[in-house]
Amino acid sequence: MALKTGQDMQDTLELVPHGPVIPVIVIQRLADAVPLARALVAGGVRVLEVTLRTPVALAAMRDIARAVPEAIVGAGTIRSLADAQAARDAGCLFGVSPGYTAAIGQGCRQIGLPLLPGVATAGEVMAANADGYSFLKFFPATAAGGIPLLKGLAGPFADVVFCPTGGITPETAPQFLALPNVKVCGGSWLTPQDAIDAGDWSRITALARAASALRG
């Protein structure tokens, strides 16, 4: 079932019906957070992964969660339980990690933050799967093997589905989305830094609208 505004999420698979692409967002200036989120939502992209890569990231998540209720805000680059707790406290509804450890996977469950854990190998898939995770971020998708690796993983892990992220473009996204074990993909092309710096929100809305229309 699709997540409704203001509703807590139980599982990251609830993100899937909201569109084929989850933007991977890096916010350098806090003032950009809310207009950027509004521009993405206007283009039909509600699920926003704001990465913990800048000093203003947590404040940006908090501002978006408060000011843009239509957005489903998540925290990317979660590398510790402290990151997860801070994201939860900031109002995030889900977390995304670049890799997987049992401490993060089990810790996120304890604090009630649904996690999309990152994996790049069969062993990491097994580790995450053993802890009950069957919807995984495949990262860095292109560098780690791309479509051939995802096809290879489909055999032994028929019950696992993926969100490939890393190096995906508007041109290659449909090829990833066409795979049976890919539910959505992540991409940074929706929020180009030059557009953010210029406050060109209409361009970002147009990119979001095009991403929303992508199909495998």
N, C-alpha and C. Protein backbone atom coordinates (compact mmCIF):
# COMPACT_ATOMS: atom_id res chain seq x y z
N MET A 1 0.85 -1.20 0.00
CA MET A 1 0.00 0.00 0.00
C MET A 1 0.88 1.24 0.00
N ALA A 2 0.49 2.23 -0.77
CA ALA A 2 1.27 3.46 -0.86
C ALA A 2 1.17 4.25 0.43
N LEU A 3 2.28 4.89 0.77
CA LEU A 3 2.33 5.68 1.99
C LEU A 3 1.52 6.96 1.81
N LYS A 4 0.75 7.30 2.83
CA LYS A 4 -0.04 8.51 2.81
C LYS A 4 0.68 9.61 3.58
N THR A 5 0.36 10.85 3.25
CA THR A 5 0.98 11.99 3.91
C THR A 5 0.76 11.90 5.41
N GLY A 6 1.85 12.07 6.18
CA GLY A 6 1.75 12.07 7.63
C GLY A 6 1.72 10.69 8.26
N GLN A 7 1.81 9.66 7.45
CA GLN A 7 1.72 8.29 7.95
C GLN A 7 3.11 7.68 8.09
N ASP A 8 3.36 7.01 9.20
CA ASP A 8 4.64 6.34 9.37
C ASP A 8 4.72 5.13 8.43
N MET A 9 5.93 4.83 8.04
CA MET A 9 6.18 3.72 7.13
C MET A 9 6.57 2.48 7.93
N GLN A 10 6.14 1.33 7.45
CA GLN A 10 6.51 0.07 8.09
C GLN A 10 7.63 -0.64 7.34
N ASP A 11 7.70 -0.41 6.04
CA ASP A 11 8.66 -1.11 5.19
C ASP A 11 9.01 -0.22 4.01
N THR A 12 10.27 -0.24 3.58
CA THR A 12 10.67 0.63 2.48
C THR A 12 10.02 0.25 1.15
N LEU A 13 9.46 -0.94 1.05
CA LEU A 13 8.74 -1.29 -0.18
C LEU A 13 7.53 -0.38 -0.39
N GLU A 14 7.09 0.29 0.67
CA GLU A 14 5.98 1.23 0.54
C GLU A 14 6.37 2.45 -0.30
N LEU A 15 7.67 2.63 -0.55
CA LEU A 15 8.12 3.73 -1.39
C LEU A 15 7.88 3.47 -2.88
N VAL A 16 7.82 2.21 -3.25
CA VAL A 16 7.81 1.83 -4.67
C VAL A 16 6.65 2.43 -5.47
N PRO A 17 5.42 2.43 -4.96
CA PRO A 17 4.32 2.95 -5.78
C PRO A 17 4.41 4.45 -6.08
N HIS A 18 5.30 5.15 -5.41
CA HIS A 18 5.36 6.60 -5.60
C HIS A 18 6.18 7.03 -6.81
N GLY A 19 6.76 6.08 -7.53
CA GLY A 19 7.48 6.46 -8.75
C GLY A 19 8.75 5.67 -8.94
N PRO A 20 9.24 5.65 -10.18
CA PRO A 20 10.37 4.78 -10.51
C PRO A 20 11.74 5.29 -10.11
N VAL A 21 11.84 6.58 -9.73
CA VAL A 21 13.16 7.14 -9.41
C VAL A 21 13.13 7.85 -8.07
N ILE A 22 14.11 7.52 -7.22
CA ILE A 22 14.31 8.23 -5.95
C ILE A 22 15.51 9.15 -6.12
N PRO A 23 15.33 10.47 -6.01
CA PRO A 23 16.47 11.37 -6.17
C PRO A 23 17.44 11.27 -5.00
N VAL A 24 18.71 11.25 -5.33
CA VAL A 24 19.77 11.26 -4.31
C VAL A 24 20.25 12.71 -4.21
N ILE A 25 19.95 13.34 -3.07
CA ILE A 25 20.06 14.80 -2.96
C ILE A 25 21.20 15.19 -2.03
N VAL A 26 22.03 16.12 -2.48
CA VAL A 26 23.07 16.72 -1.65
C VAL A 26 22.75 18.21 -1.51
N ILE A 27 22.50 18.64 -0.29
CA ILE A 27 22.13 20.03 -0.05
C ILE A 27 23.29 20.77 0.62
N GLN A 28 23.79 21.76 -0.07
CA GLN A 28 24.92 22.54 0.43
C GLN A 28 24.46 23.75 1.25
N ARG A 29 23.32 24.35 0.86
CA ARG A 29 22.81 25.55 1.54
C ARG A 29 21.42 25.25 2.08
N LEU A 30 21.24 25.51 3.35
CA LEU A 30 19.96 25.20 3.99
C LEU A 30 18.80 25.90 3.30
N ALA A 31 19.03 27.11 2.82
CA ALA A 31 17.96 27.88 2.18
C ALA A 31 17.41 27.19 0.93
N ASP A 32 18.19 26.28 0.35
CA ASP A 32 17.74 25.60 -0.86
C ASP A 32 16.81 24.43 -0.57
N ALA A 33 16.79 23.94 0.66
CA ALA A 33 16.13 22.67 0.97
C ALA A 33 14.64 22.68 0.62
N VAL A 34 13.91 23.63 1.16
CA VAL A 34 12.46 23.63 0.97
C VAL A 34 12.07 23.92 -0.48
N PRO A 35 12.63 24.94 -1.14
CA PRO A 35 12.25 25.15 -2.55
C PRO A 35 12.64 23.98 -3.45
N LEU A 36 13.74 23.31 -3.15
CA LEU A 36 14.14 22.14 -3.93
C LEU A 36 13.11 21.03 -3.75
N ALA A 37 12.73 20.78 -2.51
CA ALA A 37 11.73 19.74 -2.24
C ALA A 37 10.41 20.06 -2.93
N ARG A 38 10.00 21.31 -2.87
CA ARG A 38 8.75 21.70 -3.52
C ARG A 38 8.82 21.54 -5.03
N ALA A 39 9.99 21.82 -5.60
CA ALA A 39 10.15 21.66 -7.05
C ALA A 39 10.05 20.20 -7.46
N LEU A 40 10.63 19.30 -6.66
CA LEU A 40 10.56 17.87 -6.96
C LEU A 40 9.13 17.35 -6.82
N VAL A 41 8.47 17.75 -5.75
CA VAL A 41 7.09 17.31 -5.53
C VAL A 41 6.19 17.81 -6.65
N ALA A 42 6.43 19.03 -7.11
CA ALA A 42 5.64 19.59 -8.21
C ALA A 42 5.79 18.77 -9.49
N GLY A 43 6.94 18.11 -9.64
CA GLY A 43 7.17 17.26 -10.80
C GLY A 43 6.73 15.83 -10.60
N GLY A 44 6.10 15.55 -9.46
CA GLY A 44 5.58 14.21 -9.21
C GLY A 44 6.49 13.30 -8.43
N VAL A 45 7.62 13.83 -7.93
CA VAL A 45 8.57 13.03 -7.16
C VAL A 45 8.40 13.36 -5.68
N ARG A 46 7.83 12.44 -4.92
CA ARG A 46 7.56 12.67 -3.50
C ARG A 46 8.61 12.06 -2.58
N VAL A 47 9.24 10.98 -3.01
CA VAL A 47 10.23 10.29 -2.17
C VAL A 47 11.57 10.97 -2.36
N LEU A 48 12.12 11.54 -1.28
CA LEU A 48 13.35 12.33 -1.36
C LEU A 48 14.40 11.75 -0.42
N GLU A 49 15.51 11.32 -0.98
CA GLU A 49 16.64 10.85 -0.16
C GLU A 49 17.65 11.99 -0.03
N VAL A 50 17.69 12.58 1.14
CA VAL A 50 18.64 13.65 1.43
C VAL A 50 19.86 13.04 2.10
N THR A 51 21.01 13.15 1.48
CA THR A 51 22.20 12.47 1.98
C THR A 51 22.84 13.23 3.14
N LEU A 52 23.41 12.46 4.05
CA LEU A 52 24.12 13.03 5.20
C LEU A 52 25.57 13.34 4.82
N ARG A 53 25.73 14.16 3.80
CA ARG A 53 27.08 14.45 3.30
C ARG A 53 27.49 15.89 3.53
N THR A 54 26.61 16.69 4.10
CA THR A 54 26.93 18.10 4.32
C THR A 54 26.53 18.50 5.74
N PRO A 55 27.11 19.58 6.25
CA PRO A 55 26.80 20.02 7.62
C PRO A 55 25.33 20.42 7.81
N VAL A 56 24.65 20.80 6.73
CA VAL A 56 23.26 21.25 6.88
C VAL A 56 22.25 20.15 6.59
N ALA A 57 22.71 18.94 6.36
CA ALA A 57 21.81 17.87 5.92
C ALA A 57 20.67 17.61 6.89
N LEU A 58 20.96 17.45 8.16
CA LEU A 58 19.91 17.15 9.13
C LEU A 58 18.91 18.30 9.25
N ALA A 59 19.42 19.51 9.27
CA ALA A 59 18.52 20.67 9.33
C ALA A 59 17.66 20.73 8.07
N ALA A 60 18.23 20.38 6.93
CA ALA A 60 17.47 20.37 5.69
C ALA A 60 16.34 19.34 5.74
N MET A 61 16.64 18.16 6.26
CA MET A 61 15.62 17.12 6.40
C MET A 61 14.49 17.62 7.29
N ARG A 62 14.87 18.25 8.40
CA ARG A 62 13.88 18.76 9.35
C ARG A 62 12.99 19.82 8.69
N ASP A 63 13.60 20.73 7.96
CA ASP A 63 12.84 21.79 7.31
C ASP A 63 11.88 21.23 6.26
N ILE A 64 12.37 20.28 5.48
CA ILE A 64 11.52 19.70 4.44
C ILE A 64 10.35 18.95 5.06
N ALA A 65 10.63 18.16 6.10
CA ALA A 65 9.58 17.38 6.75
C ALA A 65 8.48 18.29 7.30
N ARG A 66 8.87 19.45 7.80
CA ARG A 66 7.90 20.37 8.39
C ARG A 66 7.16 21.19 7.33
N ALA A 67 7.89 21.66 6.31
CA ALA A 67 7.33 22.63 5.38
C ALA A 67 6.71 22.01 4.13
N VAL A 68 7.07 20.75 3.82
CA VAL A 68 6.57 20.11 2.60
C VAL A 68 5.95 18.77 2.98
N PRO A 69 4.74 18.80 3.52
CA PRO A 69 4.13 17.56 4.03
C PRO A 69 3.88 16.52 2.95
N GLU A 70 3.84 16.94 1.68
CA GLU A 70 3.63 15.97 0.60
C GLU A 70 4.87 15.11 0.36
N ALA A 71 6.02 15.58 0.82
CA ALA A 71 7.27 14.85 0.62
C ALA A 71 7.41 13.70 1.61
N ILE A 72 8.01 12.62 1.15
CA ILE A 72 8.36 11.48 2.00
C ILE A 72 9.88 11.54 2.15
N VAL A 73 10.34 12.08 3.27
CA VAL A 73 11.75 12.40 3.44
C VAL A 73 12.51 11.24 4.05
N GLY A 74 13.62 10.90 3.43
CA GLY A 74 14.50 9.87 3.95
C GLY A 74 15.92 10.38 4.05
N ALA A 75 16.71 9.71 4.85
CA ALA A 75 18.11 10.09 5.04
C ALA A 75 19.02 9.09 4.34
N GLY A 76 19.89 9.61 3.47
CA GLY A 76 20.88 8.75 2.82
C GLY A 76 22.22 8.83 3.52
N THR A 77 23.12 7.94 3.14
CA THR A 77 24.48 7.87 3.70
C THR A 77 24.46 7.60 5.20
N ILE A 78 23.54 6.76 5.64
CA ILE A 78 23.53 6.34 7.05
C ILE A 78 24.63 5.30 7.25
N ARG A 79 25.58 5.64 8.12
CA ARG A 79 26.73 4.76 8.35
C ARG A 79 26.82 4.27 9.79
N SER A 80 25.94 4.72 10.65
CA SER A 80 25.98 4.32 12.05
C SER A 80 24.58 4.44 12.64
N LEU A 81 24.39 3.84 13.81
CA LEU A 81 23.11 3.96 14.48
C LEU A 81 22.87 5.40 14.92
N ALA A 82 23.95 6.11 15.24
CA ALA A 82 23.81 7.53 15.60
C ALA A 82 23.24 8.32 14.43
N ASP A 83 23.71 8.03 13.21
CA ASP A 83 23.15 8.67 12.01
C ASP A 83 21.66 8.37 11.90
N ALA A 84 21.31 7.11 12.11
CA ALA A 84 19.91 6.70 11.98
C ALA A 84 19.03 7.41 13.01
N GLN A 85 19.51 7.48 14.24
CA GLN A 85 18.73 8.14 15.28
C GLN A 85 18.56 9.62 14.99
N ALA A 86 19.62 10.25 14.52
CA ALA A 86 19.55 11.68 14.18
C ALA A 86 18.55 11.92 13.04
N ALA A 87 18.55 11.02 12.07
CA ALA A 87 17.62 11.15 10.95
C ALA A 87 16.19 10.97 11.42
N ARG A 88 15.98 10.00 12.27
CA ARG A 88 14.64 9.77 12.82
C ARG A 88 14.17 11.00 13.59
N ASP A 89 15.06 11.55 14.40
CA ASP A 89 14.72 12.74 15.19
C ASP A 89 14.42 13.94 14.31
N ALA A 90 15.02 13.97 13.11
CA ALA A 90 14.81 15.08 12.19
C ALA A 90 13.50 14.96 11.41
N GLY A 91 12.80 13.84 11.58
CA GLY A 91 11.53 13.66 10.91
C GLY A 91 11.57 12.75 9.70
N CYS A 92 12.70 12.07 9.48
CA CYS A 92 12.78 11.18 8.33
C CYS A 92 11.91 9.94 8.54
N LEU A 93 11.33 9.46 7.45
CA LEU A 93 10.47 8.29 7.49
C LEU A 93 11.20 7.01 7.09
N PHE A 94 12.40 7.15 6.52
CA PHE A 94 13.19 5.97 6.15
C PHE A 94 14.65 6.37 6.08
N GLY A 95 15.51 5.36 6.05
CA GLY A 95 16.94 5.58 5.93
C GLY A 95 17.52 4.73 4.81
N VAL A 96 18.64 5.18 4.26
CA VAL A 96 19.35 4.45 3.21
C VAL A 96 20.82 4.40 3.59
N SER A 97 21.41 3.22 3.57
CA SER A 97 22.82 3.09 3.92
C SER A 97 23.62 2.68 2.68
N PRO A 98 24.89 3.13 2.58
CA PRO A 98 25.70 2.77 1.41
C PRO A 98 26.15 1.31 1.43
N GLY A 99 26.21 0.71 2.62
CA GLY A 99 26.58 -0.69 2.78
C GLY A 99 25.72 -1.30 3.88
N TYR A 100 26.08 -2.51 4.29
CA TYR A 100 25.26 -3.16 5.32
C TYR A 100 26.12 -3.71 6.44
N THR A 101 25.66 -3.44 7.67
CA THR A 101 26.18 -4.13 8.85
C THR A 101 24.98 -4.55 9.69
N ALA A 102 25.14 -5.62 10.43
CA ALA A 102 24.05 -6.09 11.29
C ALA A 102 23.70 -5.04 12.33
N ALA A 103 24.70 -4.30 12.80
CA ALA A 103 24.43 -3.27 13.81
C ALA A 103 23.48 -2.21 13.28
N ILE A 104 23.69 -1.78 12.03
CA ILE A 104 22.79 -0.79 11.44
C ILE A 104 21.42 -1.40 11.16
N GLY A 105 21.41 -2.58 10.57
CA GLY A 105 20.15 -3.21 10.22
C GLY A 105 19.27 -3.47 11.43
N GLN A 106 19.86 -4.03 12.48
CA GLN A 106 19.09 -4.34 13.68
C GLN A 106 18.78 -3.08 14.47
N GLY A 107 19.72 -2.13 14.48
CA GLY A 107 19.51 -0.88 15.20
C GLY A 107 18.38 -0.06 14.62
N CYS A 108 18.32 0.01 13.30
CA CYS A 108 17.25 0.77 12.65
C CYS A 108 15.89 0.16 13.00
N ARG A 109 15.85 -1.15 13.07
CA ARG A 109 14.58 -1.79 13.43
C ARG A 109 14.18 -1.42 14.86
N GLN A 110 15.15 -1.37 15.74
CA GLN A 110 14.87 -1.06 17.15
C GLN A 110 14.32 0.35 17.32
N ILE A 111 14.80 1.29 16.52
CA ILE A 111 14.33 2.68 16.68
C ILE A 111 13.17 3.01 15.75
N GLY A 112 12.73 2.02 14.97
CA GLY A 112 11.57 2.23 14.11
C GLY A 112 11.83 3.04 12.86
N LEU A 113 13.04 2.92 12.31
CA LEU A 113 13.37 3.61 11.06
C LEU A 113 13.53 2.57 9.96
N PRO A 114 12.55 2.44 9.05
CA PRO A 114 12.69 1.49 7.95
C PRO A 114 13.96 1.78 7.15
N LEU A 115 14.68 0.73 6.81
CA LEU A 115 16.00 0.89 6.17
C LEU A 115 16.02 0.25 4.79
N LEU A 116 16.63 0.98 3.85
CA LEU A 116 16.98 0.43 2.54
C LEU A 116 18.49 0.25 2.56
N PRO A 117 18.97 -0.95 2.89
CA PRO A 117 20.40 -1.15 3.08
C PRO A 117 21.15 -1.37 1.78
N GLY A 118 22.36 -0.85 1.73
CA GLY A 118 23.18 -0.99 0.54
C GLY A 118 23.95 -2.29 0.50
N VAL A 119 24.05 -2.87 -0.70
CA VAL A 119 24.83 -4.08 -0.93
C VAL A 119 25.50 -3.97 -2.29
N ALA A 120 26.61 -4.69 -2.43
CA ALA A 120 27.30 -4.71 -3.73
C ALA A 120 27.74 -6.11 -4.14
N THR A 121 27.58 -7.09 -3.23
CA THR A 121 28.03 -8.46 -3.50
C THR A 121 26.99 -9.46 -3.01
N ALA A 122 27.15 -10.71 -3.46
CA ALA A 122 26.24 -11.77 -3.02
C ALA A 122 26.34 -11.99 -1.51
N GLY A 123 27.55 -11.87 -0.97
CA GLY A 123 27.71 -12.05 0.47
C GLY A 123 26.97 -11.00 1.27
N GLU A 124 27.00 -9.75 0.77
CA GLU A 124 26.28 -8.68 1.46
C GLU A 124 24.78 -8.87 1.35
N VAL A 125 24.32 -9.36 0.20
CA VAL A 125 22.90 -9.68 0.05
C VAL A 125 22.50 -10.72 1.09
N MET A 126 23.32 -11.75 1.27
CA MET A 126 23.02 -12.80 2.23
C MET A 126 22.97 -12.26 3.66
N ALA A 127 23.91 -11.35 3.99
CA ALA A 127 23.95 -10.79 5.34
C ALA A 127 22.69 -9.97 5.62
N ALA A 128 22.30 -9.13 4.66
CA ALA A 128 21.10 -8.32 4.84
C ALA A 128 19.85 -9.19 4.86
N ASN A 129 19.82 -10.17 3.99
CA ASN A 129 18.68 -11.08 3.91
C ASN A 129 18.51 -11.87 5.20
N ALA A 130 19.63 -12.26 5.79
CA ALA A 130 19.58 -13.01 7.05
C ALA A 130 18.96 -12.20 8.18
N ASP A 131 19.07 -10.89 8.09
CA ASP A 131 18.48 -10.01 9.11
C ASP A 131 17.09 -9.54 8.72
N GLY A 132 16.52 -10.14 7.67
CA GLY A 132 15.13 -9.86 7.33
C GLY A 132 14.92 -8.80 6.27
N TYR A 133 15.99 -8.36 5.60
CA TYR A 133 15.86 -7.34 4.57
C TYR A 133 15.84 -7.98 3.19
N SER A 134 14.78 -7.71 2.43
CA SER A 134 14.67 -8.29 1.09
C SER A 134 14.50 -7.23 0.00
N PHE A 135 14.47 -5.95 0.39
CA PHE A 135 14.50 -4.84 -0.57
C PHE A 135 15.77 -4.06 -0.29
N LEU A 136 16.72 -4.12 -1.24
CA LEU A 136 18.07 -3.64 -0.99
C LEU A 136 18.50 -2.61 -2.03
N LYS A 137 19.33 -1.69 -1.58
CA LYS A 137 19.97 -0.74 -2.49
C LYS A 137 21.21 -1.42 -3.08
N PHE A 138 21.30 -1.44 -4.40
CA PHE A 138 22.49 -1.99 -5.07
C PHE A 138 23.39 -0.81 -5.40
N PHE A 139 24.52 -0.73 -4.69
CA PHE A 139 25.39 0.45 -4.78
C PHE A 139 26.85 0.08 -4.65
N PRO A 140 27.73 0.73 -5.42
CA PRO A 140 27.48 1.64 -6.54
C PRO A 140 27.13 0.84 -7.79
N ALA A 141 25.95 1.02 -8.28
CA ALA A 141 25.38 0.10 -9.27
C ALA A 141 26.25 -0.11 -10.50
N THR A 142 26.62 0.96 -11.17
CA THR A 142 27.38 0.81 -12.41
C THR A 142 28.77 0.26 -12.15
N ALA A 143 29.44 0.81 -11.14
CA ALA A 143 30.81 0.38 -10.84
C ALA A 143 30.86 -1.05 -10.32
N ALA A 144 29.81 -1.50 -9.64
CA ALA A 144 29.81 -2.83 -9.02
C ALA A 144 29.41 -3.94 -9.97
N GLY A 145 29.00 -3.61 -11.18
CA GLY A 145 28.64 -4.66 -12.13
C GLY A 145 27.38 -4.41 -12.90
N GLY A 146 26.60 -3.42 -12.49
CA GLY A 146 25.45 -2.98 -13.25
C GLY A 146 24.42 -4.05 -13.55
N ILE A 147 23.86 -3.96 -14.73
CA ILE A 147 22.78 -4.86 -15.14
C ILE A 147 23.22 -6.33 -15.17
N PRO A 148 24.43 -6.67 -15.67
CA PRO A 148 24.84 -8.07 -15.66
C PRO A 148 24.87 -8.67 -14.25
N LEU A 149 25.34 -7.91 -13.26
CA LEU A 149 25.38 -8.45 -11.91
C LEU A 149 23.97 -8.61 -11.34
N LEU A 150 23.10 -7.64 -11.59
CA LEU A 150 21.72 -7.78 -11.11
C LEU A 150 21.05 -9.01 -11.73
N LYS A 151 21.31 -9.26 -13.01
CA LYS A 151 20.77 -10.46 -13.64
C LYS A 151 21.33 -11.72 -12.98
N GLY A 152 22.63 -11.67 -12.64
CA GLY A 152 23.25 -12.81 -11.99
C GLY A 152 22.69 -13.07 -10.59
N LEU A 153 22.37 -12.00 -9.87
CA LEU A 153 21.83 -12.15 -8.52
C LEU A 153 20.39 -12.67 -8.52
N ALA A 154 19.70 -12.52 -9.64
CA ALA A 154 18.29 -12.90 -9.69
C ALA A 154 18.09 -14.40 -9.49
N GLY A 155 19.07 -15.21 -9.91
CA GLY A 155 18.93 -16.65 -9.78
C GLY A 155 18.92 -17.13 -8.34
N PRO A 156 20.02 -16.91 -7.59
CA PRO A 156 20.07 -17.39 -6.22
C PRO A 156 19.23 -16.58 -5.24
N PHE A 157 18.85 -15.37 -5.62
CA PHE A 157 18.09 -14.50 -4.71
C PHE A 157 16.77 -14.09 -5.36
N ALA A 158 15.97 -15.09 -5.67
CA ALA A 158 14.71 -14.83 -6.37
C ALA A 158 13.73 -14.04 -5.51
N ASP A 159 13.94 -14.04 -4.20
CA ASP A 159 13.01 -13.35 -3.29
C ASP A 159 13.51 -11.95 -2.90
N VAL A 160 14.58 -11.48 -3.54
CA VAL A 160 15.17 -10.19 -3.20
C VAL A 160 14.98 -9.22 -4.37
N VAL A 161 14.62 -7.98 -4.04
CA VAL A 161 14.48 -6.94 -5.07
C VAL A 161 15.38 -5.77 -4.72
N PHE A 162 15.66 -4.94 -5.73
CA PHE A 162 16.71 -3.94 -5.58
C PHE A 162 16.28 -2.54 -6.03
N CYS A 163 17.02 -1.57 -5.47
CA CYS A 163 17.00 -0.18 -5.93
C CYS A 163 18.44 0.15 -6.32
N PRO A 164 18.81 -0.02 -7.58
CA PRO A 164 20.18 0.31 -8.00
C PRO A 164 20.41 1.82 -7.97
N THR A 165 21.55 2.21 -7.44
CA THR A 165 21.92 3.62 -7.32
C THR A 165 23.41 3.77 -7.57
N GLY A 166 23.79 4.81 -8.29
CA GLY A 166 25.21 5.07 -8.52
C GLY A 166 25.58 4.93 -9.98
N GLY A 167 25.75 6.05 -10.66
CA GLY A 167 26.14 6.03 -12.06
C GLY A 167 25.00 5.83 -13.03
N ILE A 168 23.77 5.85 -12.54
CA ILE A 168 22.61 5.67 -13.42
C ILE A 168 22.23 7.02 -14.02
N THR A 169 21.85 6.99 -15.28
CA THR A 169 21.49 8.21 -16.02
C THR A 169 20.06 8.08 -16.54
N PRO A 170 19.49 9.18 -17.03
CA PRO A 170 18.15 9.07 -17.63
C PRO A 170 18.11 8.08 -18.79
N GLU A 171 19.25 7.91 -19.46
CA GLU A 171 19.31 6.99 -20.60
C GLU A 171 19.37 5.53 -20.16
N THR A 172 20.09 5.26 -19.08
CA THR A 172 20.23 3.86 -18.64
C THR A 172 19.17 3.44 -17.63
N ALA A 173 18.50 4.39 -17.01
CA ALA A 173 17.50 4.04 -16.00
C ALA A 173 16.44 3.08 -16.53
N PRO A 174 15.87 3.29 -17.73
CA PRO A 174 14.86 2.34 -18.20
C PRO A 174 15.39 0.92 -18.35
N GLN A 175 16.68 0.77 -18.65
CA GLN A 175 17.26 -0.57 -18.78
C GLN A 175 17.32 -1.26 -17.42
N PHE A 176 17.66 -0.50 -16.37
CA PHE A 176 17.65 -1.07 -15.02
C PHE A 176 16.23 -1.39 -14.58
N LEU A 177 15.31 -0.47 -14.84
CA LEU A 177 13.93 -0.64 -14.40
C LEU A 177 13.24 -1.79 -15.12
N ALA A 178 13.76 -2.20 -16.27
CA ALA A 178 13.16 -3.31 -17.01
C ALA A 178 13.47 -4.67 -16.37
N LEU A 179 14.44 -4.72 -15.46
CA LEU A 179 14.79 -5.98 -14.83
C LEU A 179 13.71 -6.38 -13.83
N PRO A 180 13.33 -7.66 -13.81
CA PRO A 180 12.27 -8.10 -12.89
C PRO A 180 12.60 -7.89 -11.42
N ASN A 181 13.90 -7.89 -11.06
CA ASN A 181 14.26 -7.75 -9.65
C ASN A 181 14.61 -6.31 -9.28
N VAL A 182 14.26 -5.36 -10.13
CA VAL A 182 14.47 -3.94 -9.83
C VAL A 182 13.11 -3.26 -9.68
N LYS A 183 12.89 -2.66 -8.52
CA LYS A 183 11.61 -1.99 -8.24
C LYS A 183 11.65 -0.50 -8.58
N VAL A 184 12.74 0.15 -8.20
CA VAL A 184 12.96 1.58 -8.47
C VAL A 184 14.46 1.76 -8.63
N CYS A 185 14.88 2.94 -9.04
CA CYS A 185 16.31 3.23 -9.07
C CYS A 185 16.55 4.59 -8.44
N GLY A 186 17.78 4.82 -8.03
CA GLY A 186 18.15 6.10 -7.44
C GLY A 186 18.99 6.89 -8.42
N GLY A 187 18.87 8.21 -8.38
CA GLY A 187 19.65 9.02 -9.31
C GLY A 187 19.87 10.42 -8.81
N SER A 188 21.04 10.95 -9.12
CA SER A 188 21.38 12.32 -8.74
C SER A 188 21.10 13.31 -9.85
N TRP A 189 20.70 12.81 -11.04
CA TRP A 189 20.52 13.72 -12.16
C TRP A 189 19.29 14.63 -12.00
N LEU A 190 18.40 14.30 -11.08
CA LEU A 190 17.21 15.13 -10.88
C LEU A 190 17.54 16.46 -10.22
N THR A 191 18.68 16.51 -9.53
CA THR A 191 19.02 17.72 -8.76
C THR A 191 20.42 18.20 -9.10
N PRO A 192 20.67 18.63 -10.34
CA PRO A 192 22.01 19.10 -10.71
C PRO A 192 22.41 20.32 -9.89
N GLN A 193 23.67 20.34 -9.46
CA GLN A 193 24.12 21.40 -8.57
C GLN A 193 24.01 22.78 -9.18
N ASP A 194 24.25 22.87 -10.49
CA ASP A 194 24.18 24.20 -11.11
C ASP A 194 22.75 24.74 -11.09
N ALA A 195 21.76 23.86 -11.22
CA ALA A 195 20.37 24.31 -11.16
C ALA A 195 20.01 24.75 -9.74
N ILE A 196 20.50 24.01 -8.75
CA ILE A 196 20.23 24.38 -7.35
C ILE A 196 20.89 25.73 -7.05
N ASP A 197 22.15 25.88 -7.46
CA ASP A 197 22.88 27.13 -7.18
C ASP A 197 22.17 28.33 -7.81
N ALA A 198 21.56 28.12 -8.98
CA ALA A 198 20.90 29.20 -9.69
C ALA A 198 19.45 29.40 -9.25
N GLY A 199 18.97 28.50 -8.39
CA GLY A 199 17.57 28.58 -8.00
C GLY A 199 16.63 28.30 -9.16
N ASP A 200 17.08 27.46 -10.09
CA ASP A 200 16.29 27.15 -11.28
C ASP A 200 15.35 25.99 -10.95
N TRP A 201 14.34 26.30 -10.16
CA TRP A 201 13.44 25.26 -9.67
C TRP A 201 12.56 24.70 -10.79
N SER A 202 12.26 25.49 -11.80
CA SER A 202 11.45 24.98 -12.90
C SER A 202 12.19 23.89 -13.67
N ARG A 203 13.51 24.03 -13.77
CA ARG A 203 14.30 22.98 -14.44
C ARG A 203 14.24 21.69 -13.64
N ILE A 204 14.33 21.79 -12.33
CA ILE A 204 14.27 20.61 -11.47
C ILE A 204 12.89 19.97 -11.53
N THR A 205 11.85 20.78 -11.58
CA THR A 205 10.50 20.23 -11.74
C THR A 205 10.37 19.48 -13.05
N ALA A 206 10.96 20.02 -14.11
CA ALA A 206 10.91 19.36 -15.42
C ALA A 206 11.66 18.03 -15.39
N LEU A 207 12.82 18.00 -14.72
CA LEU A 207 13.58 16.76 -14.60
C LEU A 207 12.81 15.73 -13.78
N ALA A 208 12.14 16.19 -12.73
CA ALA A 208 11.34 15.29 -11.90
C ALA A 208 10.17 14.72 -12.69
N ARG A 209 9.54 15.57 -13.48
CA ARG A 209 8.40 15.11 -14.28
C ARG A 209 8.84 14.04 -15.29
N ALA A 210 10.01 14.26 -15.90
CA ALA A 210 10.53 13.27 -16.86
C ALA A 210 10.89 11.97 -16.16
N ALA A 211 11.47 12.06 -14.96
CA ALA A 211 11.83 10.86 -14.22
C ALA A 211 10.59 10.09 -13.79
N SER A 212 9.54 10.82 -13.43
CA SER A 212 8.30 10.15 -13.01
C SER A 212 7.69 9.34 -14.14
N ALA A 213 7.99 9.74 -15.37
CA ALA A 213 7.41 9.08 -16.54
C ALA A 213 8.24 7.90 -17.04
N LEU A 214 9.42 7.68 -16.44
CA LEU A 214 10.30 6.60 -16.90
C LEU A 214 9.67 5.24 -16.63
N ARG A 215 9.81 4.37 -17.57
CA ARG A 215 9.36 2.99 -17.40
C ARG A 215 10.40 2.07 -18.02
N GLY A 216 10.45 0.89 -17.50
CA GLY A 216 11.39 -0.07 -18.04
C GLY A 216 10.95 -0.58 -19.41
